[in-house]
Amino acid sequence: MGNDVLWLISGLALIVAELTTGTFYLLMLGVGALAGSAVAFYGLGFAVQSIVAGSVSVIMVFLFKHKFAKGKPEQQGENNIDVGQPGLTRRRGWRELNIAAPVGTRK
C-alpha cells in the first residue's frame, strides 16, 4: 500500500469518527489527511505530505473558528437569546401587597 492509500484511509476514518463526536475538529483533520493523500498521489515526499496535511488542518480550524465564533469567548457556550436584550419588569411594592411596611422605610 502506498502513502496515498494510507492517507486516504486515515482521512476517511477521521471523517467517520467525527460523525460520532460532532465537534468538527476531526472533520478538519480528516480533510487535511485527504489533502495529504492528494499530495502523496503526485509522488511528493512524506515530509511534504505531512506539511500539507498539517497546514490544511490548521487553516481549516482557524477559518472555522473565525467564521462561526459569535460574541465574546465567555459567551460562546450560552444559548440564552435574551442576554443583553432590554426587558420590561413590573415590581410590586409592599404597599400594593397590603402588608405592613418593613422596619426603617418611609411612608
Protein backbone atom coordinates (compact mmCIF):
# COMPACT_ATOMS: atom_id res chain seq x y z
CA MET A 1 0.00 0.00 0.00
CA GLY A 2 1.31 3.40 -0.91
CA ASN A 3 1.29 6.52 1.20
CA ASP A 4 -1.63 7.93 -0.77
CA VAL A 5 -3.84 4.99 0.21
CA LEU A 6 -2.77 5.23 3.86
CA TRP A 7 -3.55 8.96 3.92
CA LEU A 8 -6.89 8.25 2.24
CA ILE A 9 -7.84 5.55 4.75
CA SER A 10 -6.81 7.72 7.71
CA GLY A 11 -8.72 10.71 6.31
CA LEU A 12 -11.89 8.70 5.81
CA ALA A 13 -11.52 7.12 9.26
CA LEU A 14 -11.22 10.57 10.85
CA ILE A 15 -14.28 11.81 8.99
CA VAL A 16 -16.31 8.76 10.08
CA ALA A 17 -15.08 9.22 13.67
CA GLU A 18 -16.19 12.85 13.51
CA LEU A 19 -19.73 11.74 12.72
CA THR A 20 -19.88 10.11 16.15
CA THR A 21 -18.50 13.11 18.06
CA GLY A 22 -19.96 16.15 16.32
CA THR A 23 -17.09 18.51 17.18
CA PHE A 24 -15.92 19.32 13.61
CA TYR A 25 -12.25 19.09 14.61
CA LEU A 26 -11.89 15.51 13.42
CA LEU A 27 -13.57 16.55 10.18
CA MET A 28 -10.90 19.18 9.62
CA LEU A 29 -8.13 16.72 10.43
CA GLY A 30 -9.74 14.27 8.01
CA VAL A 31 -9.81 16.85 5.23
CA GLY A 32 -6.16 17.61 5.97
CA ALA A 33 -5.36 13.89 5.65
CA LEU A 34 -7.21 13.81 2.33
CA ALA A 35 -5.05 16.74 1.18
CA GLY A 36 -2.01 14.73 2.25
CA SER A 37 -3.35 11.84 0.18
CA ALA A 38 -3.64 14.09 -2.87
CA VAL A 39 -0.05 15.25 -2.44
CA ALA A 40 1.13 11.64 -1.98
CA PHE A 41 -0.69 10.67 -5.17
CA TYR A 42 1.57 13.05 -7.11
CA GLY A 43 4.65 11.37 -5.64
CA LEU A 44 5.96 14.09 -3.34
CA GLY A 45 7.90 13.07 -0.22
CA PHE A 46 6.48 12.21 3.17
CA ALA A 47 7.71 15.46 4.70
CA VAL A 48 5.77 17.47 2.10
CA GLN A 49 2.71 15.27 2.62
CA SER A 50 2.82 15.86 6.38
CA ILE A 51 3.33 19.61 6.00
CA VAL A 52 0.40 19.89 3.58
CA ALA A 53 -1.87 17.75 5.78
CA GLY A 54 -0.99 19.74 8.89
CA SER A 55 -1.25 23.10 7.16
CA VAL A 56 -4.65 22.36 5.65
CA SER A 57 -5.94 21.14 9.03
CA VAL A 58 -4.68 24.21 10.90
CA ILE A 59 -6.01 26.62 8.27
CA MET A 60 -9.41 24.95 8.35
CA VAL A 61 -9.57 25.15 12.15
CA PHE A 62 -8.74 28.87 12.10
CA LEU A 63 -11.25 29.58 9.33
CA PHE A 64 -13.93 27.62 11.15
CA LYS A 65 -13.26 29.35 14.48
CA HIS A 66 -13.32 32.85 12.95
CA LYS A 67 -16.35 32.25 10.75
CA PHE A 68 -18.59 30.66 13.34
CA ALA A 69 -17.38 32.27 16.58
CA LYS A 70 -20.05 34.60 17.91
CA GLY A 71 -19.77 37.12 20.70
CA LYS A 72 -17.17 37.18 23.41
CA PRO A 73 -15.35 33.93 24.26
CA GLU A 74 -17.07 33.70 27.64
CA GLN A 75 -20.50 33.85 25.95
CA GLN A 76 -19.92 31.31 23.18
CA GLY A 77 -21.42 28.36 25.04
CA GLU A 78 -24.53 30.27 26.04
CA ASN A 79 -27.81 29.60 24.25
CA ASN A 80 -29.88 32.23 26.03
CA ILE A 81 -31.06 34.60 23.29
CA ASP A 82 -32.37 37.16 25.79
CA VAL A 83 -28.97 38.02 27.25
CA GLY A 84 -28.25 41.70 26.71
CA GLN A 85 -31.76 42.49 25.44
CA PRO A 86 -33.91 45.18 27.11
CA GLY A 87 -36.75 43.83 29.15
CA LEU A 88 -39.84 45.06 30.97
CA THR A 89 -40.28 44.16 34.61
CA ARG A 90 -43.07 45.00 36.98
CA ARG A 91 -42.13 45.34 40.58
CA ARG A 92 -44.83 45.18 43.15
CA GLY A 93 -44.08 47.17 46.25
CA TRP A 94 -45.11 46.36 49.77
CA ARG A 95 -47.96 48.90 49.56
CA GLU A 96 -49.59 47.03 46.68
CA LEU A 97 -49.39 43.76 48.57
CA ASN A 98 -51.22 45.22 51.59
CA ILE A 99 -48.64 44.17 54.12
CA ALA A 100 -47.05 46.11 56.89
CA ALA A 101 -44.19 48.40 55.97
CA PRO A 102 -40.75 46.94 56.64
CA VAL A 103 -38.87 48.45 59.54
CA GLY A 104 -36.88 51.53 58.58
CA THR A 105 -38.84 52.51 55.47
CA ARG A 106 -40.62 55.77 54.80
CA LYS A 107 -44.28 56.15 54.04
